[in-house]
Amino acid sequence: MEEVPGSEESLLALDEQPALTGQNEEVLLIRLGVVDAALAGLEDGHIDPELRELDRRLAVLVGEPTRSAPRLRREPLGIAHVDDKPPLRDGGKPGASVLKPRFVHEAESRSPSNGCLVWASVRERRLTEVASKLACGGARGARMEDEAATDARKTLTQLTAAIESHCGSDLLGLYLFGSLAGGGFYAGKSDLDVMAVVTAEVEEGQQLEELRALHEAFVAERPAWVERIEVVYVDRDVLRTLTDRPRGRIAVVCPGEPLHVRDAGFESTLDWHGVTTQGETILGPPPLELGPQVTSNAFRHAVEVLLKEWPSRVRAPWVAYVPAHQGYVVMTICRALYSLATGEQTTKEEAAAWAAARYPEWSSFISEAQQRYRADVRDSHHALISFTDHAVAQADDLIR
């Protein structure tokens, strides 16, 4: 569970072409080429000198790839049979035209280079709109975001003190990663992502129960952070395996799940990569003094493995009834494709904008999915709770 939608219009609606919302995730996975057509060759592309002033993430996208994703002769058939809700890491549960001339309507409209130019325009438009809104009073929104980040930092300080006090000398290092560290934090939606490196594996039994009680008490005193704190406890032996195939046991508390012990997986590889590339040291030495650097090949392999799990997950029948989860799936897939293309991690927003430009036929679908994912569902949930309580309270009168 991560972010709340803002009041501004979506920047992902790159054209006025009809939306493809009738398609399902199976079609999305196939049409995007997922892994097999993962935008190979971008590293060797020529960088347009006119884009030198843009950041490196943007410039690399202008490179002409050696090949493009294959085009289908016809749409795939529907899903023959139909895991992971937004909070869980490993399972469980349009707008105006942006760019003229309209590259997406040209004969080579599916060319990655054209899509990248659209992405460049989206990025420049975003900067222009932000500046305009600030000049017209949009600074209020900026202040709200700053206040949210400040509140998150305050909560992080309190969480740090609690973990340090509980673990003592067994805590070797504490590191922040995710949206707060990477600049994609959304008030009321984003969670805190922390990795604690400890001397030894957290054992099931009393040790696990005491640590679980700590986390339950922490969020009980801070209702705004219920289902919004994730802490991974990992020992150095497990860290050493993250550049190959993750092995060993880790303890995790995350949205939707209380603290529990599970096998380390490729999610841990991506978490550690986030710590070492975009994270912040809260306590202890720099992270690379405790564990290895995740190589580019290991990072891409972890992304690929996790991406290939989605075709089966999206077929779970309950997914059709949870719009926010559908949005989460689309944002996660966009970020995976971005990582395969560039070898880097980025925010869901930037990955979605990149994917919308790369695959203009899916831009409206991606935009709508992002809106569903960012939607704040708390008000409707609270209304549901209030109505249910009212209905139950009326039961006695109705029976009489």
Protein backbone atom coordinates (compact mmCIF):
# COMPACT_ATOMS: atom_id res chain seq x y z
CA MET A 1 0.00 0.00 0.00
CA GLU A 2 1.66 3.10 -1.08
CA GLU A 3 0.33 6.30 -2.43
CA VAL A 4 -2.62 8.66 -2.56
CA PRO A 5 -3.80 10.19 -5.84
CA GLY A 6 -3.30 13.91 -6.27
CA SER A 7 -5.82 16.32 -7.70
CA GLU A 8 -3.88 17.01 -10.90
CA GLU A 9 -4.84 15.31 -14.11
CA SER A 10 -2.89 12.27 -15.16
CA LEU A 11 0.22 12.85 -17.24
CA LEU A 12 0.11 9.38 -18.70
CA ALA A 13 -2.68 9.98 -21.18
CA LEU A 14 -0.34 10.50 -24.10
CA ASP A 15 -3.01 10.69 -26.77
CA GLU A 16 -6.71 10.82 -27.36
CA GLN A 17 -6.79 7.33 -28.75
CA PRO A 18 -9.47 4.96 -27.39
CA ALA A 19 -8.65 3.38 -24.06
CA LEU A 20 -7.94 -0.32 -23.92
CA THR A 21 -9.49 -0.93 -20.55
CA GLY A 22 -11.35 -3.94 -21.85
CA GLN A 23 -8.13 -5.90 -22.06
CA ASN A 24 -6.97 -8.00 -19.17
CA GLU A 25 -3.60 -8.50 -17.54
CA GLU A 26 -2.88 -11.57 -19.65
CA VAL A 27 -3.05 -9.47 -22.79
CA LEU A 28 -0.89 -6.82 -21.16
CA LEU A 29 1.82 -9.30 -20.28
CA ILE A 30 1.84 -10.79 -23.76
CA ARG A 31 1.62 -7.50 -25.67
CA LEU A 32 4.42 -5.90 -23.67
CA GLY A 33 6.64 -8.83 -24.47
CA VAL A 34 7.43 -9.15 -20.76
CA VAL A 35 10.86 -10.75 -20.56
CA ASP A 36 11.68 -12.20 -23.94
CA ALA A 37 11.44 -8.80 -25.63
CA ALA A 38 12.92 -6.84 -22.76
CA LEU A 39 14.24 -3.94 -24.78
CA ALA A 40 17.68 -5.37 -25.38
CA GLY A 41 20.44 -3.10 -26.61
CA LEU A 42 19.50 0.18 -24.97
CA GLU A 43 22.88 0.33 -23.28
CA ASP A 44 24.63 0.67 -26.61
CA GLY A 45 22.24 3.21 -28.12
CA HIS A 46 23.19 6.65 -29.34
CA ILE A 47 22.21 9.43 -26.94
CA ASP A 48 20.65 12.46 -28.59
CA PRO A 49 22.84 15.46 -27.67
CA GLU A 50 19.75 17.65 -27.32
CA LEU A 51 18.77 15.58 -24.30
CA ARG A 52 22.12 15.83 -22.51
CA GLU A 53 20.64 18.22 -19.98
CA LEU A 54 18.08 15.63 -18.88
CA ASP A 55 18.96 13.13 -16.25
CA ARG A 56 20.62 9.86 -17.18
CA ARG A 57 17.47 7.81 -16.76
CA LEU A 58 15.79 9.85 -19.46
CA ALA A 59 18.76 10.08 -21.81
CA VAL A 60 19.31 6.33 -21.94
CA LEU A 61 15.80 5.86 -23.19
CA VAL A 62 16.54 7.76 -26.44
CA GLY A 63 18.97 5.06 -27.53
CA GLU A 64 17.79 3.06 -30.52
CA PRO A 65 17.49 -0.59 -29.44
CA THR A 66 18.82 -3.39 -31.54
CA ARG A 67 15.37 -4.92 -31.83
CA SER A 68 11.82 -4.18 -30.81
CA ALA A 69 9.16 -6.28 -29.20
CA PRO A 70 7.39 -8.59 -31.65
CA ARG A 71 3.99 -7.49 -32.88
CA LEU A 72 1.08 -9.87 -32.76
CA ARG A 73 -0.99 -10.64 -35.84
CA ARG A 74 -4.08 -10.76 -33.66
CA GLU A 75 -5.13 -10.29 -30.09
CA PRO A 76 -4.55 -13.28 -27.78
CA LEU A 77 -7.52 -15.32 -26.72
CA GLY A 78 -9.11 -14.64 -23.38
CA ILE A 79 -7.98 -16.15 -20.12
CA ALA A 80 -8.83 -19.80 -19.93
CA HIS A 81 -8.60 -20.06 -16.18
CA VAL A 82 -7.84 -17.74 -13.50
CA ASP A 83 -2.23 -13.71 -6.20
CA ASP A 84 -0.97 -10.90 -4.12
CA LYS A 85 -2.85 -8.02 -2.80
CA PRO A 86 -1.06 -4.67 -2.96
CA PRO A 87 0.31 -4.82 0.56
CA LEU A 88 1.87 -8.28 0.20
CA ARG A 89 5.29 -8.71 -1.33
CA ASP A 90 5.07 -12.30 -2.39
CA GLY A 91 1.46 -13.34 -2.66
CA GLY A 92 -1.85 -13.35 -0.92
CA LYS A 93 -4.12 -10.99 -1.90
CA PRO A 94 -7.29 10.21 -20.75
CA GLY A 95 -6.52 13.28 -21.48
CA ALA A 96 -5.18 15.80 -24.00
CA SER A 97 -2.50 15.10 -26.53
CA VAL A 98 0.95 15.71 -25.08
CA LEU A 99 3.21 15.83 -28.08
CA LYS A 100 2.95 17.33 -31.56
CA PRO A 101 3.61 16.06 -34.12
CA ARG A 102 1.87 12.93 -32.89
CA PHE A 103 4.59 10.36 -33.18
CA VAL A 104 2.23 7.62 -32.05
CA HIS A 105 0.15 7.99 -35.21
CA GLU A 106 3.04 7.63 -37.64
CA ALA A 107 3.72 4.41 -39.50
CA GLU A 108 6.63 3.75 -37.13
CA SER A 109 4.56 4.70 -34.12
CA ARG A 110 5.61 1.57 -32.24
CA SER A 111 9.26 2.42 -32.66
CA PRO A 112 10.91 2.59 -29.24
CA SER A 113 12.76 5.75 -30.22
CA ASN A 114 9.49 7.56 -30.93
CA GLY A 115 8.04 6.34 -27.67
CA CYS A 116 11.11 7.63 -25.89
CA LEU A 117 10.62 11.05 -27.43
CA VAL A 118 7.09 11.03 -26.07
CA TRP A 119 8.54 10.15 -22.67
CA ALA A 120 10.92 13.09 -22.95
CA SER A 121 7.97 15.37 -23.68
CA VAL A 122 6.02 13.94 -20.75
CA ARG A 123 8.95 14.64 -18.44
CA GLU A 124 9.32 18.23 -19.67
CA ARG A 125 5.57 18.79 -19.42
CA ARG A 126 5.60 17.52 -15.85
CA LEU A 127 8.29 20.04 -14.92
CA THR A 128 6.36 22.86 -16.63
CA GLU A 129 3.10 21.97 -14.91
CA VAL A 130 4.72 21.73 -11.51
CA ALA A 131 6.28 25.17 -11.95
CA SER A 132 2.93 26.61 -13.08
CA LYS A 133 1.06 25.14 -10.16
CA LEU A 134 3.58 26.47 -7.70
CA ALA A 135 3.19 29.96 -9.20
CA CYS A 136 -0.60 29.71 -8.89
CA GLY A 137 -0.67 28.49 -5.32
CA GLY A 138 0.30 24.88 -5.87
CA ALA A 139 2.89 25.32 -3.17
CA ARG A 140 0.23 24.17 -0.72
CA GLY A 141 0.42 20.68 -2.20
CA ALA A 142 4.19 20.77 -1.97
CA ARG A 143 3.94 21.78 1.68
CA MET A 144 1.58 18.89 2.34
CA GLU A 145 4.03 16.47 0.77
CA ASP A 146 6.86 17.96 2.84
CA GLU A 147 4.77 17.63 5.98
CA ALA A 148 3.97 14.01 5.14
CA ALA A 149 7.65 13.22 4.62
CA THR A 150 8.50 14.98 7.87
CA ASP A 151 5.91 12.92 9.71
CA ALA A 152 7.29 9.77 8.10
CA ARG A 153 10.81 10.71 9.21
CA LYS A 154 9.55 11.25 12.75
CA THR A 155 7.90 7.84 12.73
CA LEU A 156 11.08 6.33 11.30
CA THR A 157 13.11 7.82 14.17
CA GLN A 158 10.73 6.30 16.69
CA LEU A 159 10.80 2.93 14.93
CA THR A 160 14.59 3.03 14.89
CA ALA A 161 14.73 3.63 18.63
CA ALA A 162 12.33 0.75 19.27
CA ILE A 163 14.27 -1.72 17.12
CA GLU A 164 17.65 -0.63 18.49
CA SER A 165 16.46 -0.92 22.06
CA HIS A 166 15.03 -4.38 21.44
CA CYS A 167 17.90 -5.87 19.43
CA GLY A 168 20.83 -4.23 21.20
CA SER A 169 24.22 -5.48 20.04
CA ASP A 170 22.57 -8.01 17.73
CA LEU A 171 21.67 -5.14 15.40
CA LEU A 172 24.56 -4.56 13.00
CA GLY A 173 22.93 -1.99 10.73
CA LEU A 174 19.58 -0.40 9.92
CA TYR A 175 18.81 0.92 6.44
CA LEU A 176 15.94 2.79 4.78
CA PHE A 177 14.93 1.97 1.23
CA GLY A 178 11.80 2.30 -0.89
CA SER A 179 9.66 5.35 -1.59
CA LEU A 180 10.80 7.59 1.28
CA ALA A 181 14.45 7.09 0.38
CA GLY A 182 13.85 7.18 -3.38
CA GLY A 183 11.69 10.31 -3.53
CA GLY A 184 8.34 8.70 -4.37
CA PHE A 185 6.64 8.99 -0.97
CA TYR A 186 2.86 9.64 -0.94
CA ALA A 187 1.08 10.90 2.15
CA GLY A 188 -1.23 8.40 3.76
CA LYS A 189 -0.40 5.71 1.21
CA SER A 190 3.33 4.98 1.07
CA ASP A 191 4.85 2.73 3.66
CA LEU A 192 8.17 2.73 5.49
CA ASP A 193 10.64 0.16 4.15
CA VAL A 194 13.48 -0.75 6.48
CA MET A 195 16.09 -3.50 6.45
CA ALA A 196 17.71 -4.57 9.70
CA VAL A 197 20.94 -6.53 9.41
CA VAL A 198 21.34 -8.74 12.47
CA THR A 199 24.00 -11.08 13.78
CA ALA A 200 21.91 -14.22 13.43
CA GLU A 201 18.61 -15.47 12.05
CA VAL A 202 15.52 -14.57 14.05
CA GLU A 203 14.38 -17.84 15.54
CA GLU A 204 10.77 -18.93 15.69
CA GLY A 205 9.38 -19.21 19.17
CA GLN A 206 9.97 -16.72 21.97
CA GLN A 207 12.41 -14.53 20.01
CA LEU A 208 9.97 -14.14 17.12
CA GLU A 209 6.99 -13.60 19.43
CA GLU A 210 8.75 -10.83 21.37
CA LEU A 211 9.78 -9.05 18.18
CA ARG A 212 6.26 -9.43 16.78
CA ALA A 213 4.82 -7.91 19.96
CA LEU A 214 7.12 -4.92 19.53
CA HIS A 215 5.80 -4.24 16.03
CA GLU A 216 2.17 -4.76 16.98
CA ALA A 217 2.48 -2.35 19.90
CA PHE A 218 4.26 0.21 17.70
CA VAL A 219 1.46 0.45 15.12
CA ALA A 220 -1.25 0.18 17.78
CA GLU A 221 0.04 3.47 19.17
CA ARG A 222 0.17 4.98 15.65
CA PRO A 223 -3.07 4.05 13.82
CA ALA A 224 -2.10 6.08 10.73
CA TRP A 225 0.71 3.60 10.14
CA VAL A 226 -1.28 0.39 10.40
CA GLU A 227 -0.43 -1.77 7.35
CA ARG A 228 2.22 0.75 6.30
CA ILE A 229 5.43 -0.48 7.92
CA GLU A 230 7.72 -3.12 6.48
CA VAL A 231 10.84 -4.32 8.22
CA VAL A 232 13.06 -7.14 6.97
CA TYR A 233 15.42 -8.79 9.46
CA VAL A 234 18.28 -10.49 7.63
CA ASP A 235 21.59 -11.87 8.83
CA ARG A 236 24.93 -11.57 7.02
CA ASP A 237 24.93 -15.19 5.91
CA VAL A 238 21.78 -14.53 3.92
CA LEU A 239 23.18 -11.27 2.52
CA ARG A 240 26.12 -13.17 1.04
CA THR A 241 23.73 -15.26 -1.09
CA LEU A 242 21.88 -12.36 -2.70
CA THR A 243 24.21 -12.06 -5.68
CA ASP A 244 23.41 -15.64 -6.70
CA ARG A 245 20.33 -17.50 -5.51
CA PRO A 246 19.00 -16.26 -2.17
CA ARG A 247 19.21 -18.85 0.59
CA GLY A 248 18.43 -18.89 4.27
CA ARG A 249 15.63 -17.59 6.45
CA ILE A 250 14.54 -14.00 7.10
CA ALA A 251 11.96 -12.41 9.40
CA VAL A 252 9.54 -9.96 7.79
CA VAL A 253 6.70 -7.73 8.92
CA CYS A 254 4.87 -6.11 6.03
CA PRO A 255 1.45 -4.72 5.11
CA GLY A 256 -1.11 -7.48 5.40
CA GLU A 257 1.14 -9.84 7.35
CA PRO A 258 2.36 -9.87 10.95
CA LEU A 259 6.00 -10.58 11.66
CA HIS A 260 6.86 -14.07 10.42
CA VAL A 261 9.82 -16.13 9.28
CA ARG A 262 10.11 -17.26 5.68
CA ASP A 263 12.68 -18.33 3.12
CA ALA A 264 14.68 -15.55 1.52
CA GLY A 265 13.69 -14.99 -2.11
CA PHE A 266 14.50 -12.72 -5.00
CA GLU A 267 12.45 -10.00 -3.30
CA SER A 268 15.35 -9.84 -0.83
CA THR A 269 17.77 -9.33 -3.71
CA LEU A 270 15.76 -6.34 -4.92
CA ASP A 271 15.46 -4.97 -1.37
CA TRP A 272 19.21 -5.18 -0.81
CA HIS A 273 19.85 -3.63 -4.23
CA GLY A 274 17.58 -0.75 -3.19
CA VAL A 275 19.46 -0.37 0.09
CA THR A 276 22.87 -0.23 -1.60
CA THR A 277 21.92 2.00 -4.55
CA GLN A 278 19.19 4.35 -3.33
CA GLY A 279 18.91 3.69 0.38
CA GLU A 280 19.96 5.59 3.50
CA THR A 281 22.04 4.40 6.42
CA ILE A 282 20.14 4.92 9.65
CA LEU A 283 22.43 2.99 12.00
CA GLY A 284 25.69 1.16 11.48
CA PRO A 285 28.29 1.19 8.70
CA PRO A 286 27.68 1.70 4.98
CA PRO A 287 25.71 -1.32 3.78
CA LEU A 288 28.43 -2.67 1.49
CA GLU A 289 30.57 -3.23 4.56
CA LEU A 290 28.05 -5.84 5.68
CA GLY A 291 27.02 -7.45 2.41
CA PRO A 292 27.98 -7.67 -1.26
CA GLN A 293 26.99 -5.40 -4.12
CA VAL A 294 24.17 -6.86 -6.21
CA THR A 295 25.58 -7.14 -9.73
CA SER A 296 23.67 -5.91 -12.76
CA ASN A 297 23.14 -9.49 -13.91
CA ALA A 298 21.87 -10.59 -10.51
CA PHE A 299 19.51 -7.62 -10.35
CA ARG A 300 18.06 -8.28 -13.80
CA HIS A 301 17.72 -11.99 -13.04
CA ALA A 302 15.77 -11.26 -9.85
CA VAL A 303 13.46 -8.89 -11.73
CA GLU A 304 12.92 -11.46 -14.47
CA VAL A 305 12.12 -14.28 -12.07
CA LEU A 306 9.59 -12.22 -10.14
CA LEU A 307 8.01 -10.85 -13.31
CA LYS A 308 7.42 -14.34 -14.65
CA GLU A 309 5.36 -15.14 -11.55
CA TRP A 310 2.66 -12.62 -12.47
CA PRO A 311 0.85 -14.52 -15.25
CA SER A 312 -0.33 -17.10 -12.74
CA ARG A 313 -1.04 -14.57 -10.01
CA VAL A 314 -3.32 -12.36 -12.10
CA ARG A 315 -5.52 -15.37 -12.85
CA ALA A 316 -6.66 -15.67 -9.24
CA PRO A 317 -10.45 -15.08 -9.37
CA TRP A 318 -10.45 -12.53 -6.53
CA VAL A 319 -8.18 -10.18 -8.53
CA ALA A 320 -11.16 -9.24 -10.70
CA TYR A 321 -12.90 -7.77 -7.63
CA VAL A 322 -10.02 -5.63 -6.31
CA PRO A 323 -9.33 -2.62 -8.58
CA ALA A 324 -6.54 -1.30 -6.36
CA HIS A 325 -4.70 -4.59 -6.68
CA GLN A 326 -5.09 -4.55 -10.46
CA GLY A 327 -3.46 -1.12 -10.45
CA TYR A 328 -0.68 -2.43 -8.23
CA VAL A 329 0.01 -5.26 -10.66
CA VAL A 330 0.25 -2.89 -13.63
CA MET A 331 2.57 -0.49 -11.78
CA THR A 332 4.78 -3.37 -10.64
CA ILE A 333 5.00 -4.78 -14.16
CA CYS A 334 5.88 -1.35 -15.57
CA ARG A 335 8.66 -1.00 -13.04
CA ALA A 336 9.97 -4.47 -13.83
CA LEU A 337 10.10 -3.69 -17.55
CA TYR A 338 11.88 -0.41 -16.83
CA SER A 339 14.44 -2.24 -14.73
CA LEU A 340 15.05 -4.83 -17.44
CA ALA A 341 15.54 -2.06 -19.99
CA THR A 342 17.83 0.18 -17.94
CA GLY A 343 19.31 -1.98 -15.19
CA GLU A 344 18.01 0.54 -12.65
CA GLN A 345 15.25 0.92 -10.12
CA THR A 346 12.86 3.88 -10.22
CA THR A 347 9.56 5.06 -8.79
CA LYS A 348 6.28 3.59 -9.94
CA GLU A 349 5.33 6.96 -11.45
CA GLU A 350 8.43 7.21 -13.63
CA ALA A 351 8.17 3.58 -14.66
CA ALA A 352 4.51 3.99 -15.60
CA ALA A 353 5.25 7.12 -17.66
CA TRP A 354 8.11 5.29 -19.38
CA ALA A 355 5.93 2.29 -20.18
CA ALA A 356 3.10 4.49 -21.44
CA ALA A 357 5.50 6.17 -23.86
CA ARG A 358 7.14 2.90 -24.83
CA TYR A 359 3.80 1.22 -25.49
CA PRO A 360 1.42 4.04 -26.55
CA GLU A 361 -1.36 1.58 -27.33
CA TRP A 362 -1.45 0.83 -23.59
CA SER A 363 -1.08 4.42 -22.33
CA SER A 364 -4.74 4.87 -21.37
CA PHE A 365 -4.87 1.49 -19.67
CA ILE A 366 -1.72 2.27 -17.67
CA SER A 367 -3.06 5.71 -16.71
CA GLU A 368 -6.34 4.28 -15.44
CA ALA A 369 -4.52 1.52 -13.58
CA GLN A 370 -2.34 4.12 -11.88
CA GLN A 371 -5.40 6.06 -10.78
CA ARG A 372 -6.93 2.92 -9.29
CA TYR A 373 -3.70 2.12 -7.49
CA ARG A 374 -3.28 5.63 -6.08
CA ALA A 375 -6.90 5.99 -5.00
CA ASP A 376 -7.34 6.48 -1.28
CA VAL A 377 -9.74 3.75 -0.23
CA ARG A 378 -9.83 4.71 3.43
CA ASP A 379 -12.88 7.01 3.21
CA SER A 380 -15.01 4.37 1.51
CA HIS A 381 -13.77 1.77 3.97
CA HIS A 382 -14.65 3.95 6.94
CA ALA A 383 -18.09 4.61 5.43
CA LEU A 384 -18.60 0.87 5.05
CA ILE A 385 -17.64 0.32 8.70
CA SER A 386 -19.99 3.07 9.87
CA PHE A 387 -22.89 1.73 7.80
CA THR A 388 -22.32 -1.81 9.04
CA ASP A 389 -22.21 -0.69 12.68
CA HIS A 390 -25.38 1.32 12.16
CA ALA A 391 -27.17 -1.62 10.54
CA VAL A 392 -26.24 -3.99 13.34
CA ALA A 393 -27.32 -1.42 15.94
CA GLN A 394 -30.74 -1.23 14.23
CA ALA A 395 -31.23 -4.98 14.35
CA ASP A 396 -32.93 -5.03 17.75
CA ASP A 397 -35.44 -2.35 16.73
CA LEU A 398 -36.29 -4.22 13.55
CA ILE A 399 -36.77 -7.50 15.39
CA ARG A 400 -39.12 -5.86 17.86
